[in-house]
Amino acid sequence: MPEKDQEISLASMPEVWNKKIVKMLYKALARGDTETIAMLVAADLEWWYHGPPQCHHMMKILTGESRHTEFKFKPRSIMVIGDRVILEGWDGLKAYWVHVWTLEEDMIVHFREYYNTWLTVLLKVPETGDEVPVWQSDPRERSKRSLPDLVLAI
C-alpha cells in the first residue's frame, strides 16, 4: 500500500518524478541496461552538444556506438527546474560535463551535453521578460584552467 501512495505523490510533483526518471537512466547506463534506457529515452531524441569532437561519450552510449564501460558518468550534483533536469560531473582535470535533459509526459525528449564548458542557466520570467540565473556550473578545478562559457536560457 505505501508504494501506491508514493506513486500518487510523485505523480503530483512533476519535478520529483522527472528527477527520478533521470536517476533511473543513469543507473541503467551504469549497468548497460539497454532495455530500460530505451523505455526512458524517446526514439527521436533531440540532441545538442558543445565540447571537443572526440568527447561525444553520452551519444555514443545512447546510439550503441560505444559501451557503457568506456566512459562512466557519475553525477556529482543534480537539480530540477520545471521539465529540465541538470546534472554535472567531473573526473579529475580532464573531464567535466553538464547534462540537461528535458522531459515530456515521463519521457526524455531533449538532451544537451556540455563537455569541459562552464554553463549558466537563466530562467526567463514571462511577466517581466527578465532573465534570472537559476543554476551555474561548479567544476572543482575551474580556478586552474580555462573553460568556455555558455548561457542556456529556459
C-alpha atoms as a PDB file:
ATOM      1  CA  MET A   1       0.000   0.000   0.000  1.00  0.00           C
ATOM      2  CA  PRO A   2       2.715   2.606   0.726  1.00  0.00           C
ATOM      3  CA  GLU A   3       4.074   2.111  -2.797  1.00  0.00           C
ATOM      4  CA  LYS A   4       0.788   3.270  -4.334  1.00  0.00           C
ATOM      5  CA  ASP A   5       0.715   6.335  -2.070  1.00  0.00           C
ATOM      6  CA  GLN A   6       4.285   7.119  -3.082  1.00  0.00           C
ATOM      7  CA  GLU A   7       3.396   6.860  -6.790  1.00  0.00           C
ATOM      8  CA  ILE A   8       0.477   9.255  -6.315  1.00  0.00           C
ATOM      9  CA  SER A   9       2.643  11.813  -4.527  1.00  0.00           C
ATOM     10  CA  LEU A  10       5.383  11.542  -7.177  1.00  0.00           C
ATOM     11  CA  ALA A  11       2.869  11.973  -9.987  1.00  0.00           C
ATOM     12  CA  SER A  12       1.534  15.126  -8.329  1.00  0.00           C
ATOM     13  CA  MET A  13       5.056  16.602  -8.158  1.00  0.00           C
ATOM     14  CA  PRO A  14       6.438  16.533 -11.730  1.00  0.00           C
ATOM     15  CA  GLU A  15       9.877  17.855 -10.750  1.00  0.00           C
ATOM     16  CA  VAL A  16      10.380  14.971  -8.295  1.00  0.00           C
ATOM     17  CA  TRP A  17       9.186  12.483 -10.901  1.00  0.00           C
ATOM     18  CA  ASN A  18      11.469  13.959 -13.606  1.00  0.00           C
ATOM     19  CA  LYS A  19      14.453  13.675 -11.268  1.00  0.00           C
ATOM     20  CA  LYS A  20      13.572  10.059 -10.514  1.00  0.00           C
ATOM     21  CA  ILE A  21      13.347   9.209 -14.239  1.00  0.00           C
ATOM     22  CA  VAL A  22      16.767  10.724 -14.980  1.00  0.00           C
ATOM     23  CA  LYS A  23      18.314   8.934 -11.984  1.00  0.00           C
ATOM     24  CA  MET A  24      16.866   5.680 -13.369  1.00  0.00           C
ATOM     25  CA  LEU A  25      18.540   6.491 -16.702  1.00  0.00           C
ATOM     26  CA  TYR A  26      21.990   6.891 -15.125  1.00  0.00           C
ATOM     27  CA  LYS A  27      21.587   3.652 -13.174  1.00  0.00           C
ATOM     28  CA  ALA A  28      20.615   1.875 -16.395  1.00  0.00           C
ATOM     29  CA  LEU A  29      23.604   3.423 -18.180  1.00  0.00           C
ATOM     30  CA  ALA A  30      25.945   2.180 -15.441  1.00  0.00           C
ATOM     31  CA  ARG A  31      24.566  -1.354 -15.825  1.00  0.00           C
ATOM     32  CA  GLY A  32      24.447  -1.269 -19.620  1.00  0.00           C
ATOM     33  CA  ASP A  33      20.694  -1.939 -19.401  1.00  0.00           C
ATOM     34  CA  THR A  34      19.632  -1.002 -22.940  1.00  0.00           C
ATOM     35  CA  GLU A  35      16.001  -2.046 -22.407  1.00  0.00           C
ATOM     36  CA  THR A  36      15.475   0.429 -19.577  1.00  0.00           C
ATOM     37  CA  ILE A  37      17.322   3.138 -21.484  1.00  0.00           C
ATOM     38  CA  ALA A  38      15.035   2.603 -24.496  1.00  0.00           C
ATOM     39  CA  MET A  39      11.958   2.901 -22.250  1.00  0.00           C
ATOM     40  CA  LEU A  40      13.124   6.239 -20.794  1.00  0.00           C
ATOM     41  CA  VAL A  41      14.532   7.991 -23.888  1.00  0.00           C
ATOM     42  CA  ALA A  42      12.421   8.954 -26.910  1.00  0.00           C
ATOM     43  CA  ALA A  43      13.436   7.257 -30.156  1.00  0.00           C
ATOM     44  CA  ASP A  44      13.649  10.680 -31.825  1.00  0.00           C
ATOM     45  CA  LEU A  45      15.684  12.289 -29.028  1.00  0.00           C
ATOM     46  CA  GLU A  46      16.742  15.817 -29.925  1.00  0.00           C
ATOM     47  CA  TRP A  47      20.429  16.223 -29.053  1.00  0.00           C
ATOM     48  CA  TRP A  48      22.741  19.221 -28.852  1.00  0.00           C
ATOM     49  CA  TYR A  49      26.430  19.047 -27.943  1.00  0.00           C
ATOM     50  CA  HIS A  50      29.125  21.555 -27.058  1.00  0.00           C
ATOM     51  CA  GLY A  51      32.670  20.359 -26.482  1.00  0.00           C
ATOM     52  CA  PRO A  52      35.605  18.612 -28.133  1.00  0.00           C
ATOM     53  CA  PRO A  53      34.521  16.362 -31.047  1.00  0.00           C
ATOM     54  CA  GLN A  54      36.162  13.270 -29.547  1.00  0.00           C
ATOM     55  CA  CYS A  55      34.092  13.562 -26.337  1.00  0.00           C
ATOM     56  CA  HIS A  56      30.594  12.653 -27.579  1.00  0.00           C
ATOM     57  CA  HIS A  57      30.508   9.996 -24.856  1.00  0.00           C
ATOM     58  CA  MET A  58      26.807  10.032 -23.957  1.00  0.00           C
ATOM     59  CA  MET A  59      25.539   9.958 -27.534  1.00  0.00           C
ATOM     60  CA  LYS A  60      27.957   7.154 -28.365  1.00  0.00           C
ATOM     61  CA  ILE A  61      26.475   5.171 -25.491  1.00  0.00           C
ATOM     62  CA  LEU A  62      22.857   6.006 -26.374  1.00  0.00           C
ATOM     63  CA  THR A  63      23.359   5.048 -30.028  1.00  0.00           C
ATOM     64  CA  GLY A  64      25.282   1.863 -29.197  1.00  0.00           C
ATOM     65  CA  GLU A  65      28.485   3.119 -30.822  1.00  0.00           C
ATOM     66  CA  SER A  66      30.382   2.570 -27.572  1.00  0.00           C
ATOM     67  CA  ARG A  67      29.854   0.503 -24.468  1.00  0.00           C
ATOM     68  CA  HIS A  68      28.931   1.962 -21.105  1.00  0.00           C
ATOM     69  CA  THR A  69      32.313   0.851 -19.748  1.00  0.00           C
ATOM     70  CA  GLU A  70      34.390   3.198 -21.938  1.00  0.00           C
ATOM     71  CA  PHE A  71      33.329   6.371 -20.086  1.00  0.00           C
ATOM     72  CA  LYS A  72      31.470   6.309 -16.790  1.00  0.00           C
ATOM     73  CA  PHE A  73      29.097   9.137 -15.981  1.00  0.00           C
ATOM     74  CA  LYS A  74      28.987   9.658 -12.228  1.00  0.00           C
ATOM     75  CA  PRO A  75      26.754  12.654 -11.478  1.00  0.00           C
ATOM     76  CA  ARG A  76      28.048  14.811  -8.615  1.00  0.00           C
ATOM     77  CA  SER A  77      25.063  17.157  -8.481  1.00  0.00           C
ATOM     78  CA  ILE A  78      21.514  17.189  -9.783  1.00  0.00           C
ATOM     79  CA  MET A  79      18.955  19.986  -9.992  1.00  0.00           C
ATOM     80  CA  VAL A  80      15.475  20.113 -11.443  1.00  0.00           C
ATOM     81  CA  ILE A  81      13.967  23.228 -12.984  1.00  0.00           C
ATOM     82  CA  GLY A  82      10.475  22.505 -14.282  1.00  0.00           C
ATOM     83  CA  ASP A  83      10.713  19.925 -17.058  1.00  0.00           C
ATOM     84  CA  ARG A  84      14.543  20.063 -17.152  1.00  0.00           C
ATOM     85  CA  VAL A  85      16.949  18.004 -15.087  1.00  0.00           C
ATOM     86  CA  ILE A  86      20.533  19.283 -14.876  1.00  0.00           C
ATOM     87  CA  LEU A  87      23.404  17.048 -13.815  1.00  0.00           C
ATOM     88  CA  GLU A  88      27.103  17.701 -13.604  1.00  0.00           C
ATOM     89  CA  GLY A  89      30.087  15.510 -13.009  1.00  0.00           C
ATOM     90  CA  TRP A  90      33.834  15.504 -13.296  1.00  0.00           C
ATOM     91  CA  ASP A  91      36.718  13.108 -13.414  1.00  0.00           C
ATOM     92  CA  GLY A  92      39.878  14.948 -12.432  1.00  0.00           C
ATOM     93  CA  LEU A  93      41.140  17.800 -14.586  1.00  0.00           C
ATOM     94  CA  LYS A  94      40.394  16.285 -17.982  1.00  0.00           C
ATOM     95  CA  ALA A  95      36.667  15.602 -17.870  1.00  0.00           C
ATOM     96  CA  TYR A  96      33.954  17.985 -16.706  1.00  0.00           C
ATOM     97  CA  TRP A  97      30.447  17.574 -18.087  1.00  0.00           C
ATOM     98  CA  VAL A  98      26.962  19.023 -17.704  1.00  0.00           C
ATOM     99  CA  HIS A  99      23.862  17.241 -18.989  1.00  0.00           C
ATOM    100  CA  VAL A 100      20.499  18.949 -19.399  1.00  0.00           C
ATOM    101  CA  TRP A 101      17.595  16.560 -20.012  1.00  0.00           C
ATOM    102  CA  THR A 102      14.096  17.757 -20.942  1.00  0.00           C
ATOM    103  CA  LEU A 103      11.127  15.523 -20.203  1.00  0.00           C
ATOM    104  CA  GLU A 104       7.629  15.483 -21.656  1.00  0.00           C
ATOM    105  CA  GLU A 105       4.978  13.067 -20.392  1.00  0.00           C
ATOM    106  CA  ASP A 106       7.531  10.967 -18.440  1.00  0.00           C
ATOM    107  CA  MET A 107       9.804  10.576 -21.482  1.00  0.00           C
ATOM    108  CA  ILE A 108      13.210  12.148 -22.101  1.00  0.00           C
ATOM    109  CA  VAL A 109      12.826  14.091 -25.355  1.00  0.00           C
ATOM    110  CA  HIS A 110      15.731  16.583 -25.446  1.00  0.00           C
ATOM    111  CA  PHE A 111      19.332  16.273 -24.379  1.00  0.00           C
ATOM    112  CA  ARG A 112      22.018  18.944 -24.179  1.00  0.00           C
ATOM    113  CA  GLU A 113      25.557  17.856 -23.384  1.00  0.00           C
ATOM    114  CA  TYR A 114      28.282  20.306 -22.413  1.00  0.00           C
ATOM    115  CA  TYR A 115      31.772  18.902 -22.088  1.00  0.00           C
ATOM    116  CA  ASN A 116      34.555  20.978 -20.488  1.00  0.00           C
ATOM    117  CA  THR A 117      32.248  24.002 -20.647  1.00  0.00           C
ATOM    118  CA  TRP A 118      31.168  26.438 -17.934  1.00  0.00           C
ATOM    119  CA  LEU A 119      27.358  26.731 -18.080  1.00  0.00           C
ATOM    120  CA  THR A 120      24.939  29.283 -16.641  1.00  0.00           C
ATOM    121  CA  VAL A 121      21.198  28.552 -16.834  1.00  0.00           C
ATOM    122  CA  LEU A 122      18.831  31.522 -16.972  1.00  0.00           C
ATOM    123  CA  LEU A 123      15.085  31.343 -16.444  1.00  0.00           C
ATOM    124  CA  LYS A 124      13.061  33.836 -18.455  1.00  0.00           C
ATOM    125  CA  VAL A 125      10.245  35.364 -16.397  1.00  0.00           C
ATOM    126  CA  PRO A 126       7.229  35.652 -18.750  1.00  0.00           C
ATOM    127  CA  GLU A 127       5.583  38.539 -16.890  1.00  0.00           C
ATOM    128  CA  THR A 128       8.598  40.858 -16.984  1.00  0.00           C
ATOM    129  CA  GLY A 129      10.862  39.386 -19.657  1.00  0.00           C
ATOM    130  CA  ASP A 130      13.697  39.385 -17.121  1.00  0.00           C
ATOM    131  CA  GLU A 131      16.202  36.550 -17.095  1.00  0.00           C
ATOM    132  CA  VAL A 132      17.122  35.202 -13.668  1.00  0.00           C
ATOM    133  CA  PRO A 133      20.155  32.937 -13.126  1.00  0.00           C
ATOM    134  CA  VAL A 134      18.943  29.664 -11.579  1.00  0.00           C
ATOM    135  CA  TRP A 135      21.982  27.393 -11.921  1.00  0.00           C
ATOM    136  CA  GLN A 136      25.694  27.655 -12.638  1.00  0.00           C
ATOM    137  CA  SER A 137      28.442  25.108 -13.225  1.00  0.00           C
ATOM    138  CA  ASP A 138      30.710  24.281 -10.337  1.00  0.00           C
ATOM    139  CA  PRO A 139      33.707  22.324 -11.644  1.00  0.00           C
ATOM    140  CA  ARG A 140      36.145  21.646  -8.822  1.00  0.00           C
ATOM    141  CA  GLU A 141      39.256  22.680 -10.706  1.00  0.00           C
ATOM    142  CA  ARG A 142      37.872  25.746 -12.517  1.00  0.00           C
ATOM    143  CA  SER A 143      40.461  28.062 -10.997  1.00  0.00           C
ATOM    144  CA  LYS A 144      43.300  26.036 -12.506  1.00  0.00           C
ATOM    145  CA  ARG A 145      42.063  26.044 -16.110  1.00  0.00           C
ATOM    146  CA  SER A 146      40.080  27.971 -18.645  1.00  0.00           C
ATOM    147  CA  LEU A 147      36.689  26.724 -19.799  1.00  0.00           C
ATOM    148  CA  PRO A 148      34.452  28.318 -22.443  1.00  0.00           C
ATOM    149  CA  ASP A 149      31.311  29.936 -21.005  1.00  0.00           C
ATOM    150  CA  LEU A 150      27.799  29.363 -22.343  1.00  0.00           C
ATOM    151  CA  VAL A 151      24.371  30.574 -21.275  1.00  0.00           C
ATOM    152  CA  LEU A 152      21.267  28.387 -21.564  1.00  0.00           C
ATOM    153  CA  ALA A 153      18.017  30.364 -21.388  1.00  0.00           C
ATOM    154  CA  ILE A 154      14.914  28.370 -20.471  1.00  0.00           C
END
